[in-house]
Protein backbone atom coordinates (compact mmCIF):
# COMPACT_ATOMS: atom_id res chain seq x y z
CA UNK A 1 -15.91 9.88 -58.05
CA UNK A 2 -18.02 12.93 -57.20
CA UNK A 3 -21.06 14.38 -58.88
CA UNK A 4 -21.76 18.10 -59.11
CA UNK A 5 -25.13 19.45 -58.12
CA UNK A 6 -27.64 20.38 -60.86
CA UNK A 7 -27.73 23.80 -62.33
CA UNK A 8 -29.12 26.49 -59.91
CA UNK A 9 -28.22 24.41 -56.89
CA UNK A 10 -25.61 25.20 -54.29
CA UNK A 11 -22.11 24.59 -55.73
CA UNK A 12 -21.34 21.62 -53.36
CA UNK A 13 -20.39 18.13 -54.14
CA UNK A 14 -22.53 15.04 -53.30
CA UNK A 15 -20.90 11.74 -52.09
CA UNK A 16 -22.56 8.86 -53.88
CA UNK A 17 -21.75 6.50 -50.87
CA UNK A 18 -23.34 8.94 -48.45
CA UNK A 19 -26.46 9.23 -50.71
CA UNK A 20 -26.75 5.44 -50.93
CA UNK A 21 -26.41 5.06 -47.15
CA UNK A 22 -29.05 7.83 -46.66
CA UNK A 23 -31.42 6.00 -49.05
CA UNK A 24 -30.89 2.75 -47.34
CA UNK A 25 -31.67 4.27 -43.94
CA UNK A 26 -34.73 5.82 -45.27
CA UNK A 27 -35.93 2.50 -46.82
CA UNK A 28 -35.34 0.73 -43.48
CA UNK A 29 -37.38 3.36 -41.67
CA UNK A 30 -40.25 3.04 -44.13
CA UNK A 31 -40.17 -0.85 -43.92
CA UNK A 32 -40.14 -0.65 -40.11
CA UNK A 33 -43.13 1.69 -40.08
CA UNK A 34 -44.96 -0.56 -42.48
CA UNK A 35 -44.21 -3.50 -40.14
CA UNK A 36 -45.47 -1.65 -37.11
CA UNK A 37 -48.66 -0.58 -38.88
CA UNK A 38 -49.26 -4.04 -40.01
CA UNK A 39 -49.04 -5.40 -36.49
CA UNK A 40 -51.40 -2.62 -35.25
CA UNK A 41 -53.96 -3.60 -37.83
CA UNK A 42 -53.59 -7.34 -36.99
CA UNK A 43 -54.08 -6.59 -33.27
CA UNK A 44 -57.15 -4.57 -33.88
CA UNK A 45 -58.63 -7.22 -36.15
CA UNK A 46 -57.94 -9.89 -33.53
CA UNK A 47 -59.55 -7.90 -30.81
CA UNK A 48 -62.63 -7.28 -32.94
CA UNK A 49 -62.80 -10.97 -33.79
CA UNK A 50 -62.63 -11.99 -30.12
CA UNK A 51 -65.36 -9.50 -29.23
CA UNK A 52 -67.57 -11.00 -31.91
CA UNK A 53 -66.97 -14.55 -31.00
CA UNK A 54 -67.23 -14.02 -27.24
CA UNK A 55 -71.07 -14.00 -26.99
CA UNK A 56 -71.24 -17.21 -29.07
CA UNK A 57 -68.70 -18.76 -26.76
CA UNK A 58 -70.67 -17.83 -23.68
CA UNK A 59 -73.88 -19.35 -25.15
CA UNK A 60 -71.91 -22.52 -26.04
CA UNK A 61 -70.32 -23.13 -22.65
CA UNK A 62 -73.35 -22.19 -20.60
CA UNK A 63 -75.82 -24.18 -22.70
CA UNK A 64 -74.21 -27.40 -21.48
CA UNK A 65 -73.29 -26.24 -17.92
CA UNK A 66 -75.22 -27.69 -14.92
CA UNK A 67 -77.29 -25.00 -13.12
CA UNK A 68 -75.44 -25.65 -9.85
CA UNK A 69 -72.02 -25.15 -11.43
CA UNK A 70 -73.25 -21.99 -13.03
CA UNK A 71 -74.25 -20.61 -9.74
CA UNK A 72 -71.00 -21.66 -8.08
CA UNK A 73 -68.46 -20.61 -10.82
CA UNK A 74 -70.30 -18.03 -12.89
CA UNK A 75 -70.94 -17.75 -16.67
CA UNK A 76 -67.31 -17.44 -17.82
CA UNK A 77 -65.88 -20.67 -16.51
CA UNK A 78 -65.71 -23.83 -18.72
CA UNK A 79 -68.04 -26.55 -17.49
CA UNK A 80 -66.38 -29.52 -15.87
CA UNK A 81 -69.31 -31.85 -16.94
CA UNK A 82 -71.81 -31.62 -19.79
CA UNK A 83 -75.54 -31.32 -18.98
CA UNK A 84 -77.91 -31.60 -21.99
CA UNK A 85 -81.07 -31.30 -19.90
CA UNK A 86 -81.41 -27.54 -20.62
CA UNK A 87 -81.18 -27.97 -24.34
CA UNK A 88 -83.48 -30.93 -24.40
CA UNK A 89 -86.13 -29.23 -22.25
CA UNK A 90 -86.05 -26.21 -24.52
CA UNK A 91 -86.16 -28.26 -27.61
CA UNK A 92 -89.23 -30.30 -26.55
CA UNK A 93 -90.95 -27.55 -24.62
CA UNK A 94 -91.59 -25.28 -27.61
CA UNK A 95 -91.53 -27.93 -30.35
CA UNK A 96 -88.41 -26.48 -31.71
CA UNK A 97 -88.55 -28.87 -34.75
CA UNK A 98 -91.74 -27.01 -35.97
CA UNK A 99 -90.21 -23.55 -35.45
CA UNK A 100 -86.95 -24.64 -37.20
CA UNK A 101 -88.95 -25.97 -40.19
CA UNK A 102 -90.97 -22.71 -40.38
CA UNK A 103 -87.74 -20.57 -40.33
CA UNK A 104 -86.05 -22.72 -42.95
CA UNK A 105 -89.16 -22.68 -45.18
CA UNK A 106 -89.72 -18.89 -44.86
CA UNK A 107 -86.06 -17.91 -45.12
CA UNK A 108 -85.30 -20.27 -48.05
CA UNK A 109 -88.34 -19.08 -49.98
CA UNK A 110 -87.76 -15.49 -49.43
CA UNK A 111 -84.05 -15.89 -50.50
CA UNK A 112 -84.93 -17.54 -53.76
CA UNK A 113 -88.06 -15.47 -54.58
CA UNK A 114 -86.36 -12.17 -53.70
CA UNK A 115 -83.27 -13.09 -55.89
CA UNK A 116 -85.56 -13.99 -58.82
CA UNK A 117 -87.49 -10.75 -58.61
CA UNK A 118 -84.22 -8.75 -58.29
CA UNK A 119 -82.83 -10.37 -61.38
CA UNK A 120 -85.93 -9.73 -63.42
CA UNK A 121 -86.38 -6.16 -62.27
CA UNK A 122 -82.64 -5.30 -62.68
CA UNK A 123 -82.62 -6.87 -66.19
CA UNK A 124 -85.45 -4.45 -67.24
CA UNK A 125 -83.79 -1.44 -65.59
CA UNK A 126 -80.04 -2.12 -66.40
CA UNK A 127 -80.23 -3.81 -69.78
CA UNK A 128 -83.72 -2.83 -70.96
CA UNK A 129 -82.77 0.86 -70.32
CA UNK A 130 -86.26 1.93 -69.33
CA UNK A 131 -87.12 5.63 -69.23
CA UNK A 132 -86.37 7.39 -66.01
CA UNK A 133 -83.90 4.65 -64.98
CA UNK A 134 -82.21 6.93 -62.39
CA UNK A 135 -85.52 7.79 -60.73
CA UNK A 136 -86.59 4.18 -60.60
CA UNK A 137 -83.29 3.25 -58.92
CA UNK A 138 -83.78 6.10 -56.47
CA UNK A 139 -87.24 4.77 -55.55
CA UNK A 140 -85.75 1.26 -54.95
CA UNK A 141 -82.92 2.85 -52.83
CA UNK A 142 -85.56 4.69 -50.83
CA UNK A 143 -87.68 1.51 -50.44
CA UNK A 144 -85.06 -0.62 -48.69
CA UNK A 145 -84.24 2.32 -46.31
CA UNK A 146 -87.83 2.63 -44.96
CA UNK A 147 -88.10 1.05 -41.47
CA UNK A 148 -90.40 -1.79 -40.91
CA UNK A 149 -92.21 0.03 -38.12
CA UNK A 150 -93.54 2.48 -40.76
CA UNK A 151 -94.94 -0.43 -42.84
CA UNK A 152 -96.30 -2.86 -40.26
CA UNK A 153 -99.79 -1.36 -39.97
CA UNK A 154 -100.50 -1.06 -43.70
CA UNK A 155 -99.13 -4.60 -44.11
CA UNK A 156 -101.25 -5.81 -41.27
CA UNK A 157 -104.41 -4.39 -42.89
CA UNK A 158 -103.44 -5.71 -46.36
CA UNK A 159 -102.87 -9.16 -45.12
CA UNK A 160 -106.16 -9.21 -43.18
CA UNK A 161 -108.07 -8.13 -46.25
CA UNK A 162 -106.36 -10.66 -48.51
CA UNK A 163 -106.74 -13.54 -46.13
CA UNK A 164 -103.01 -13.92 -45.72
CA UNK A 165 -102.80 -12.91 -42.06
CA UNK A 166 -101.16 -15.51 -39.86
CA UNK A 167 -99.94 -17.54 -42.90
CA UNK A 168 -96.36 -18.24 -43.92
CA UNK A 169 -97.26 -17.25 -47.60
CA UNK A 170 -98.11 -13.81 -46.53
CA UNK A 171 -94.75 -13.22 -44.79
CA UNK A 172 -92.88 -14.80 -47.71
CA UNK A 173 -94.55 -12.41 -50.22
CA UNK A 174 -94.05 -9.30 -48.09
CA UNK A 175 -90.37 -10.06 -47.10
CA UNK A 176 -89.54 -11.06 -50.74
CA UNK A 177 -90.89 -7.75 -52.07
CA UNK A 178 -89.14 -5.77 -49.40
CA UNK A 179 -85.72 -7.43 -49.75
CA UNK A 180 -85.90 -7.44 -53.60
CA UNK A 181 -85.63 -3.67 -53.46
CA UNK A 182 -82.01 -4.03 -52.26
CA UNK A 183 -81.32 -6.82 -54.72
CA UNK A 184 -82.71 -4.83 -57.70
CA UNK A 185 -80.63 -1.71 -56.78
CA UNK A 186 -77.47 -3.88 -56.49
CA UNK A 187 -78.04 -5.82 -59.64
CA UNK A 188 -79.16 -2.94 -61.84
CA UNK A 189 -75.87 -1.20 -61.04
CA UNK A 190 -73.98 -4.29 -62.19
CA UNK A 191 -76.14 -4.83 -65.31
CA UNK A 192 -75.90 -1.10 -66.25
CA UNK A 193 -72.26 -1.65 -67.14
CA UNK A 194 -72.90 -5.02 -68.87
CA UNK A 195 -70.77 -5.42 -72.14
CA UNK A 196 -72.94 -4.11 -74.99
CA UNK A 197 -70.93 -6.04 -77.54
CA UNK A 198 -72.18 -9.32 -76.02
CA UNK A 199 -75.77 -8.24 -76.11
CA UNK A 200 -75.44 -6.98 -79.71
CA UNK A 201 -73.85 -10.21 -80.90
CA UNK A 202 -76.77 -12.18 -79.21
CA UNK A 203 -79.40 -10.00 -80.95
CA UNK A 204 -77.70 -10.40 -84.29
CA UNK A 205 -77.87 -14.17 -83.77
CA UNK A 206 -81.59 -13.85 -83.32
CA UNK A 207 -81.72 -14.28 -79.46
CA UNK A 208 -84.86 -13.11 -77.69
CA UNK A 209 -84.95 -11.27 -74.45
CA UNK A 210 -85.74 -14.52 -72.61
CA UNK A 211 -82.76 -16.17 -74.16
CA UNK A 212 -80.47 -13.31 -73.41
CA UNK A 213 -81.54 -13.40 -69.85
CA UNK A 214 -81.30 -17.20 -69.39
CA UNK A 215 -78.24 -18.02 -71.48
CA UNK A 216 -76.06 -14.83 -70.98
CA UNK A 217 -77.05 -12.58 -68.17
CA UNK A 218 -77.99 -15.28 -65.61
CA UNK A 219 -74.67 -17.34 -65.90
CA UNK A 220 -72.58 -14.21 -65.71
CA UNK A 221 -74.45 -12.79 -62.63
CA UNK A 222 -74.61 -16.11 -60.79
CA UNK A 223 -71.90 -15.15 -58.27
CA UNK A 224 -73.75 -11.99 -57.43
CA UNK A 225 -77.01 -13.86 -57.13
CA UNK A 226 -75.37 -16.25 -54.81
CA UNK A 227 -74.35 -13.51 -52.51
CA UNK A 228 -77.91 -12.05 -52.55
CA UNK A 229 -79.31 -15.38 -51.70
CA UNK A 230 -77.02 -15.73 -48.78
CA UNK A 231 -77.75 -12.30 -47.48
CA UNK A 232 -81.51 -12.71 -47.97
CA UNK A 233 -81.56 -16.04 -46.06
CA UNK A 234 -79.61 -14.62 -43.00
CA UNK A 235 -81.61 -11.34 -42.97
CA UNK A 236 -84.96 -13.20 -43.04
CA UNK A 237 -83.72 -15.74 -40.43
CA UNK A 238 -82.84 -12.92 -38.03
CA UNK A 239 -85.99 -10.88 -38.80
CA UNK A 240 -88.15 -10.49 -35.74
CA UNK A 241 -90.63 -7.68 -36.01
CA UNK A 242 -92.74 -8.58 -39.03
CA UNK A 243 -93.02 -12.24 -38.20
CA UNK A 244 -93.89 -11.30 -34.63
CA UNK A 245 -96.85 -9.11 -35.90
CA UNK A 246 -97.99 -11.22 -38.85
CA UNK A 247 -97.56 -14.66 -37.37
CA UNK A 248 -99.26 -14.61 -33.99
CA UNK A 249 -100.03 -18.40 -33.69
CA UNK A 250 -97.54 -20.74 -32.23
CA UNK A 251 -97.77 -23.19 -35.22
CA UNK A 252 -96.46 -20.57 -37.69
CA UNK A 253 -93.81 -18.84 -35.41
CA UNK A 254 -90.19 -18.70 -36.53
CA UNK A 255 -87.16 -19.37 -34.40
CA UNK A 256 -86.39 -15.65 -33.64
CA UNK A 257 -90.06 -15.06 -32.57
CA UNK A 258 -90.04 -18.22 -30.37
CA UNK A 259 -86.72 -17.06 -28.76
CA UNK A 260 -88.18 -13.65 -28.08
CA UNK A 261 -91.34 -15.11 -26.50
CA UNK A 262 -89.22 -17.37 -24.28
CA UNK A 263 -86.85 -14.77 -22.89
CA UNK A 264 -89.15 -13.78 -20.10
CA UNK A 265 -90.11 -17.47 -19.32
CA UNK A 266 -86.44 -18.42 -18.93
CA UNK A 267 -85.09 -15.26 -17.35
CA UNK A 268 -84.51 -17.08 -14.02
CA UNK A 269 -82.77 -19.91 -15.69
CA UNK A 270 -79.60 -18.60 -17.59
CA UNK A 271 -78.55 -22.05 -18.67
CA UNK A 272 -81.85 -22.62 -20.45
CA UNK A 273 -81.69 -19.19 -21.95
CA UNK A 274 -78.11 -19.95 -23.20
CA UNK A 275 -79.41 -23.27 -24.73
CA UNK A 276 -82.23 -21.36 -26.46
CA UNK A 277 -79.76 -18.87 -27.92
CA UNK A 278 -77.39 -21.60 -29.10
CA UNK A 279 -80.24 -23.40 -30.81
CA UNK A 280 -81.28 -20.24 -32.61
CA UNK A 281 -77.73 -19.25 -33.63
CA UNK A 282 -76.52 -22.62 -34.96
CA UNK A 283 -78.66 -22.99 -38.09
CA UNK A 284 -77.77 -19.60 -39.51
CA UNK A 285 -74.17 -20.24 -38.64
CA UNK A 286 -74.17 -23.54 -40.43
CA UNK A 287 -75.84 -22.06 -43.49
CA UNK A 288 -73.16 -19.37 -43.58
CA UNK A 289 -70.37 -21.86 -43.27
CA UNK A 290 -71.77 -23.88 -46.13
CA UNK A 291 -72.13 -20.98 -48.55
CA UNK A 292 -69.07 -18.91 -47.48
CA UNK A 293 -67.20 -19.87 -50.62
CA UNK A 294 -70.06 -18.69 -52.74
CA UNK A 295 -70.16 -15.42 -50.76
CA UNK A 296 -66.43 -14.82 -51.03
CA UNK A 297 -66.40 -15.72 -54.69
CA UNK A 298 -69.03 -13.11 -55.40
CA UNK A 299 -67.36 -10.47 -53.29
CA UNK A 300 -64.02 -11.06 -55.08
CA UNK A 301 -65.62 -11.06 -58.54
CA UNK A 302 -67.32 -7.74 -57.67
CA UNK A 303 -63.94 -6.27 -56.56
CA UNK A 304 -62.25 -7.35 -59.71
CA UNK A 305 -64.96 -5.91 -61.84
């Protein structure tokens, strides 16, 4: 059976079997191209993952490597025997328990306080519909793009005048306000598209603003708040500049500041420096692994919305 070409086309006949074969060849070519592109993406992701894990792997193997073996075989070789002396000397030499407690206290407090400020501010902007909402969000967006170097001198003078210099409370307040700018901008965008039917039903039932916030908005934004808390904790843990300036005493130093101060002392001992790096990385890594499900749940929820 043959089929004539449509009107206006060349008066030639089209073989259905040849058309099906051509279509099958085209489908195979497309499938082959998709397979090749998938393998290329997989290889690129694997290479990037290896490059990201490689520094951590170096710190891990060299932290437990005897100095003599490091000199003989170099930094890439796997140690044949484990030596914990470098890690123990570093841990006891700077009183790492104190630095670890300071970092956990500051990072945890900043994460919770900044998330609470972000929720309250975003509730007023996104649901309260204050006047000039766009300009307010622009100010918050500008606030979290200002570099810390431009703020360090005013913050130094402010903390000195308020008696908060060289105190953990001063750093907690400053970092909470700075990081809440990003949280407010992010949550205000989410709450700006909040279902108005839910809010109107709550108002009809006589719910106050506090009840709407506590019983409706907070439960629905909990995954996003979990993501913010995770980000705020890791950002504060890795923050170096402001704690370096505002926490000069050894009793109030964080892990990142202690590691920065020790880099010159242990420059001639690479195994001790690797032990110090490993001790500084592990707590943040453990925190991320514990809360990775919360982080992925929040990201997936945001993608669905």
